[in-house]
Amino acid sequence: MAIFLTSESTVIVQGMTGSEGMKHTARMLASGTKIVGGVNPRKAGDVVDFDVAGTTVSVPVFGSVSRAMEATGADVSVLFVPPAFTKAAVIEAVDAGMPLAVIITEGVPVSDTAEFFAYAQLKGTRLVGPNCPGLISPGQSNVGITPANITGPGHIGLVSKSGTLTYQMMFELRDLGFSTCVGIGGDPIVGTTHIDCLAAFEADPDTTAIVMIGEIGGDAEERAAAYIRDHVTKPVVGYVAGFEAPEGKTMGHAGAIVSGSAGTAQAKKDALEAAGVRVGKTPSETAALMRELLAP
């Protein structure tokens, strides 16, 4: 089992015919993802051929998300759409009744995200992102830009704000493997939160332990700590990036900014440890803590 994404998931790619969409569609197909269509109103009716390990895989292009869903039964959309058009693309997916939309795009205006996130909540579509690497259930499906060859299937759940740290943790624990790895993105507003993933991992019988990676800025990690204390029975280890970040300076992610004592890495570490989460000082130390927890 896994959360949000399984071997049964069927995927369409909004923006598939652009350079990023083409590149990552090829990668996703190579990792076993069931991609059944692309969306581009200007290229409806075209078929794009991808070379997957020497075999040609032909993917049809549809003029709209609704038409793609009608023709293929797709239940996941991944978006490689420029920031200026992301809001319209997400709303199109939501209006079509897409259950899960994964938004890879970086630089989406926060006001746009606030609008389409509220709309998605109202209509019942789960969003992952924006500004995220997507999610992968190793050996089952991979939606986004996460490398598929750095880990394998297992029983650890991973939720992370940072794409790069997602990859590092997957590699550090590659011999143990993961049920699902979710990169939620580091913008001030994201469609799926740490808490959403913690709740799903807690309910997933195939996930036995959880790694949570946060970073400076906001209070998401503090709220996640409170949720872990009250609702999570599985062991959790954590890492918080940004201990050396200077106050008042945005660090990489739009949401990663410290103001005074709010949102500091130390405050987040303290909150997590108070909830019973073991927090590593580095990603490698965090991986070692997980190994200790799972040692026979």
Protein backbone atom coordinates (compact mmCIF):
# COMPACT_ATOMS: atom_id res chain seq x y z
CA MET A 1 0.00 0.00 0.00
CA ALA A 2 0.93 3.67 -0.16
CA ILE A 3 -0.66 7.09 0.33
CA PHE A 4 -2.21 9.21 -2.42
CA LEU A 5 -0.39 7.37 -5.25
CA THR A 6 -0.43 3.64 -6.07
CA SER A 7 0.28 1.27 -8.94
CA GLU A 8 -3.34 1.73 -10.00
CA SER A 9 -3.02 5.52 -10.42
CA THR A 10 -3.51 6.74 -14.00
CA VAL A 11 -1.85 10.05 -14.80
CA ILE A 12 -2.23 12.89 -17.28
CA VAL A 13 0.33 15.65 -17.76
CA GLN A 14 -0.86 19.24 -18.15
CA GLY A 15 1.87 20.95 -20.17
CA MET A 16 3.28 17.65 -21.44
CA THR A 17 4.36 19.06 -24.81
CA GLY A 18 6.59 21.78 -23.30
CA SER A 19 10.29 21.13 -22.75
CA GLU A 20 9.98 20.36 -19.03
CA GLY A 21 6.83 18.35 -19.55
CA MET A 22 8.45 16.23 -22.26
CA LYS A 23 11.59 15.59 -20.25
CA HIS A 24 9.82 14.56 -17.08
CA THR A 25 7.08 12.60 -18.83
CA ALA A 26 9.83 10.43 -20.30
CA ARG A 27 11.35 9.99 -16.83
CA MET A 28 8.00 9.14 -15.25
CA LEU A 29 7.20 6.59 -17.94
CA ALA A 30 10.63 5.00 -17.48
CA SER A 31 9.91 4.59 -13.75
CA GLY A 32 6.66 2.74 -14.44
CA THR A 33 4.10 5.51 -14.05
CA LYS A 34 0.89 4.90 -15.99
CA ILE A 35 0.73 8.08 -18.08
CA VAL A 36 -2.34 7.95 -20.30
CA GLY A 37 -2.44 11.44 -21.81
CA GLY A 38 -1.21 14.98 -22.05
CA VAL A 39 -3.18 18.24 -22.17
CA ASN A 40 -2.54 21.11 -24.55
CA PRO A 41 -5.52 22.86 -26.21
CA ARG A 42 -3.36 23.86 -29.19
CA LYS A 43 -2.19 20.31 -29.87
CA ALA A 44 -5.37 18.30 -29.24
CA GLY A 45 -5.39 15.16 -31.35
CA ASP A 46 -1.61 14.85 -31.55
CA VAL A 47 0.21 11.77 -30.32
CA VAL A 48 3.66 12.07 -28.71
CA ASP A 49 6.04 9.11 -28.87
CA PHE A 50 8.46 8.46 -26.02
CA ASP A 51 11.35 6.03 -26.07
CA VAL A 52 11.14 4.00 -22.87
CA ALA A 53 13.98 1.48 -22.59
CA GLY A 54 13.95 0.90 -26.33
CA THR A 55 10.17 0.63 -26.57
CA THR A 56 8.01 3.35 -28.10
CA VAL A 57 5.20 4.52 -25.84
CA SER A 58 2.62 6.70 -27.59
CA VAL A 59 0.77 9.22 -25.42
CA PRO A 60 -2.26 11.07 -26.85
CA VAL A 61 -2.74 14.81 -26.34
CA PHE A 62 -6.16 16.12 -25.36
CA GLY A 63 -7.58 19.61 -25.55
CA SER A 64 -8.79 19.72 -21.96
CA VAL A 65 -8.54 17.90 -18.65
CA SER A 66 -12.19 16.90 -18.79
CA ARG A 67 -11.75 15.35 -22.23
CA ALA A 68 -8.64 13.50 -21.07
CA MET A 69 -10.48 12.13 -18.04
CA GLU A 70 -13.44 11.02 -20.16
CA ALA A 71 -11.18 9.21 -22.60
CA THR A 72 -8.74 7.63 -20.16
CA GLY A 73 -10.26 7.53 -16.68
CA ALA A 74 -7.25 9.40 -15.30
CA ASP A 75 -7.30 10.14 -11.57
CA VAL A 76 -4.05 12.13 -11.21
CA SER A 77 -2.82 15.20 -13.04
CA VAL A 78 0.71 16.57 -12.83
CA LEU A 79 1.24 20.17 -13.94
CA PHE A 80 4.31 21.48 -15.78
CA VAL A 81 2.73 24.85 -16.56
CA PRO A 82 4.38 28.32 -16.42
CA PRO A 83 3.52 30.34 -13.29
CA ALA A 84 1.30 32.82 -15.16
CA PHE A 85 -0.97 29.99 -16.34
CA THR A 86 -0.88 27.73 -13.29
CA LYS A 87 -4.02 29.08 -11.63
CA ALA A 88 -6.11 28.52 -14.74
CA ALA A 89 -4.67 25.03 -15.20
CA VAL A 90 -5.38 24.02 -11.61
CA ILE A 91 -8.91 25.38 -11.74
CA GLU A 92 -9.46 23.44 -14.97
CA ALA A 93 -8.37 20.23 -13.25
CA VAL A 94 -10.58 20.95 -10.25
CA ASP A 95 -13.59 21.73 -12.44
CA ALA A 96 -13.06 18.43 -14.26
CA GLY A 97 -13.28 16.57 -10.95
CA MET A 98 -9.65 15.43 -10.86
CA PRO A 99 -9.05 13.73 -7.47
CA LEU A 100 -5.34 14.64 -7.23
CA ALA A 101 -3.39 17.46 -8.91
CA VAL A 102 0.38 17.71 -8.40
CA ILE A 103 1.76 21.19 -9.13
CA ILE A 104 5.48 21.19 -9.85
CA THR A 105 5.68 24.84 -10.96
CA GLU A 106 7.91 27.23 -9.01
CA GLY A 107 7.16 30.95 -8.71
CA VAL A 108 3.36 30.76 -8.56
CA PRO A 109 2.03 34.00 -7.00
CA VAL A 110 0.85 33.33 -3.45
CA SER A 111 -2.43 35.10 -4.19
CA ASP A 112 -3.06 32.64 -7.03
CA THR A 113 -2.27 29.67 -4.78
CA ALA A 114 -4.61 30.98 -2.08
CA GLU A 115 -7.40 31.24 -4.64
CA PHE A 116 -7.04 27.86 -6.30
CA PHE A 117 -6.34 26.08 -3.00
CA ALA A 118 -9.59 27.38 -1.50
CA TYR A 119 -11.43 26.37 -4.66
CA ALA A 120 -9.90 22.87 -4.62
CA GLN A 121 -10.89 22.38 -1.00
CA LEU A 122 -14.43 23.40 -1.82
CA LYS A 123 -14.62 20.96 -4.74
CA GLY A 124 -12.78 18.05 -3.13
CA THR A 125 -9.56 17.93 -5.16
CA ARG A 126 -6.32 17.20 -3.30
CA LEU A 127 -3.43 19.42 -4.37
CA VAL A 128 0.25 18.69 -3.82
CA GLY A 129 2.49 21.73 -4.26
CA PRO A 130 3.11 24.16 -5.83
CA ASN A 131 6.90 24.46 -5.98
CA CYS A 132 7.39 20.81 -5.13
CA PRO A 133 9.10 17.68 -6.51
CA GLY A 134 5.86 15.70 -6.40
CA LEU A 135 5.45 12.28 -4.85
CA ILE A 136 6.65 8.75 -5.41
CA SER A 137 5.51 5.36 -4.18
CA PRO A 138 8.63 3.39 -5.11
CA GLY A 139 7.98 0.44 -7.35
CA GLN A 140 4.44 1.65 -8.00
CA SER A 141 4.25 5.16 -9.44
CA ASN A 142 6.24 8.38 -9.62
CA VAL A 143 4.55 11.73 -10.32
CA GLY A 144 6.81 14.78 -10.57
CA ILE A 145 10.57 15.22 -10.79
CA THR A 146 11.80 12.89 -8.04
CA PRO A 147 14.50 10.44 -9.21
CA ALA A 148 13.06 6.92 -9.18
CA ASN A 149 16.36 5.04 -9.00
CA ILE A 150 17.68 6.26 -5.65
CA THR A 151 15.52 4.12 -3.37
CA GLY A 152 13.15 1.17 -3.37
CA PRO A 153 9.87 0.08 -1.82
CA GLY A 154 9.69 -0.33 1.93
CA HIS A 155 7.77 0.71 5.00
CA ILE A 156 8.98 4.24 5.80
CA GLY A 157 6.80 7.24 4.99
CA LEU A 158 8.51 10.53 4.14
CA VAL A 159 7.04 14.03 4.06
CA SER A 160 9.31 16.96 3.28
CA LYS A 161 9.20 20.65 2.42
CA SER A 162 12.48 20.41 0.52
CA GLY A 163 12.96 18.55 -2.73
CA THR A 164 16.70 18.15 -2.35
CA LEU A 165 16.40 16.87 1.21
CA THR A 166 13.69 14.47 0.04
CA TYR A 167 16.17 12.96 -2.39
CA GLN A 168 18.94 12.81 0.19
CA MET A 169 16.75 11.05 2.76
CA MET A 170 15.51 8.58 0.15
CA PHE A 171 19.11 7.76 -0.73
CA GLU A 172 20.29 7.59 2.89
CA LEU A 173 17.61 5.00 3.70
CA ARG A 174 17.54 3.27 0.32
CA ASP A 175 18.23 -0.17 1.78
CA LEU A 176 15.17 0.09 4.02
CA GLY A 177 12.88 1.65 1.41
CA PHE A 178 9.73 3.75 1.47
CA SER A 179 5.98 3.35 1.15
CA THR A 180 5.51 6.88 -0.22
CA CYS A 181 7.70 10.00 -0.32
CA VAL A 182 5.79 13.29 -0.57
CA GLY A 183 7.51 16.58 -1.35
CA ILE A 184 4.89 19.10 -0.23
CA GLY A 185 6.75 22.23 -1.37
CA GLY A 186 8.12 25.20 0.50
CA ASP A 187 5.78 28.05 -0.45
CA PRO A 188 3.80 29.90 2.24
CA ILE A 189 0.63 28.10 1.07
CA VAL A 190 0.74 24.48 -0.07
CA GLY A 191 -2.10 22.17 -1.01
CA THR A 192 -1.04 19.24 1.17
CA THR A 193 0.56 19.80 4.57
CA HIS A 194 2.76 17.83 6.93
CA ILE A 195 -0.36 17.04 8.95
CA ASP A 196 -2.24 15.70 5.92
CA CYS A 197 0.62 13.30 5.21
CA LEU A 198 1.07 12.32 8.85
CA ALA A 199 -2.62 11.42 9.07
CA ALA A 200 -2.40 9.36 5.87
CA PHE A 201 0.75 7.56 6.98
CA GLU A 202 -0.80 6.83 10.37
CA ALA A 203 -3.76 5.21 8.58
CA ASP A 204 -1.61 3.27 6.09
CA PRO A 205 -0.98 -0.28 7.35
CA ASP A 206 2.11 -0.60 5.17
CA THR A 207 3.86 2.39 6.76
CA THR A 208 5.58 1.53 10.03
CA ALA A 209 7.64 4.70 10.67
CA ILE A 210 7.72 8.29 9.42
CA VAL A 211 10.41 10.82 8.55
CA MET A 212 9.32 14.47 8.60
CA ILE A 213 11.56 17.17 7.12
CA GLY A 214 10.78 20.82 7.77
CA GLU A 215 12.52 24.14 7.50
CA ILE A 216 12.53 27.61 8.96
CA GLY A 217 9.57 29.94 8.51
CA GLY A 218 5.92 29.75 9.49
CA ASP A 219 4.50 27.43 12.11
CA ALA A 220 3.71 24.30 10.08
CA GLU A 221 6.20 22.17 11.98
CA GLU A 222 4.90 23.34 15.36
CA ARG A 223 1.35 22.44 14.30
CA ALA A 224 2.60 19.10 13.00
CA ALA A 225 4.27 18.47 16.36
CA ALA A 226 0.98 19.04 18.16
CA TYR A 227 -0.74 16.66 15.76
CA ILE A 228 1.91 13.98 16.30
CA ARG A 229 1.55 14.31 20.06
CA ASP A 230 -2.22 13.83 19.92
CA HIS A 231 -2.81 11.51 16.96
CA VAL A 232 0.28 9.63 15.70
CA THR A 233 1.20 6.31 17.26
CA LYS A 234 3.96 5.34 14.81
CA PRO A 235 7.55 6.41 15.48
CA VAL A 236 8.56 9.71 13.85
CA VAL A 237 12.02 11.20 13.31
CA GLY A 238 12.57 14.70 12.03
CA TYR A 239 14.98 17.20 10.58
CA VAL A 240 14.62 20.99 10.40
CA ALA A 241 16.71 22.87 7.84
CA GLY A 242 17.94 26.40 8.51
CA PHE A 243 19.71 26.58 11.87
CA GLU A 244 22.29 28.95 10.42
CA ALA A 245 19.84 31.13 8.45
CA PRO A 246 20.16 34.89 9.10
CA GLU A 247 17.09 36.61 10.47
CA GLY A 248 14.84 38.35 7.94
CA LYS A 249 16.36 36.78 4.82
CA THR A 250 14.40 34.45 2.54
CA MET A 251 16.34 31.22 2.14
CA GLY A 252 15.50 29.40 -1.08
CA HIS A 253 11.83 28.76 -0.49
CA ALA A 254 9.34 31.59 -0.42
CA GLY A 255 8.10 30.43 2.98
CA ALA A 256 11.54 29.98 4.52
CA ILE A 257 12.03 33.26 6.33
CA VAL A 258 12.59 33.91 10.01
CA SER A 259 11.20 36.98 11.74
CA GLY A 260 12.39 37.54 15.29
CA SER A 261 11.83 34.37 17.32
CA ALA A 262 9.03 33.13 15.05
CA GLY A 263 9.72 30.25 12.71
CA THR A 264 13.26 29.46 13.88
CA ALA A 265 14.75 26.03 13.44
CA GLN A 266 15.38 25.77 17.19
CA ALA A 267 11.74 26.54 18.04
CA LYS A 268 10.60 23.85 15.62
CA LYS A 269 13.10 21.33 16.95
CA ASP A 270 11.97 22.02 20.50
CA ALA A 271 8.30 21.58 19.58
CA LEU A 272 8.96 18.30 17.79
CA GLU A 273 11.09 16.89 20.60
CA ALA A 274 8.42 17.86 23.13
CA ALA A 275 6.01 15.73 21.09
CA GLY A 276 8.33 12.73 21.26
CA VAL A 277 9.96 13.15 17.84
CA ARG A 278 13.69 12.46 17.68
CA VAL A 279 15.28 15.29 15.66
CA GLY A 280 18.63 14.96 13.91
CA LYS A 281 21.13 17.78 13.54
CA THR A 282 21.84 16.74 9.95
CA PRO A 283 20.00 14.64 7.37
CA SER A 284 22.50 11.82 7.89
CA GLU A 285 21.97 11.88 11.65
CA THR A 286 18.23 11.83 11.07
CA ALA A 287 18.61 8.75 8.89
CA ALA A 288 20.71 7.13 11.62
CA LEU A 289 17.94 7.82 14.15
CA MET A 290 15.47 6.03 11.88
CA ARG A 291 17.82 3.06 11.64
CA GLU A 292 17.97 2.92 15.43
CA LEU A 293 14.17 2.96 15.66
CA LEU A 294 13.81 0.13 13.16
CA ALA A 295 16.69 -2.01 14.42
CA PRO A 296 15.54 -5.51 15.44
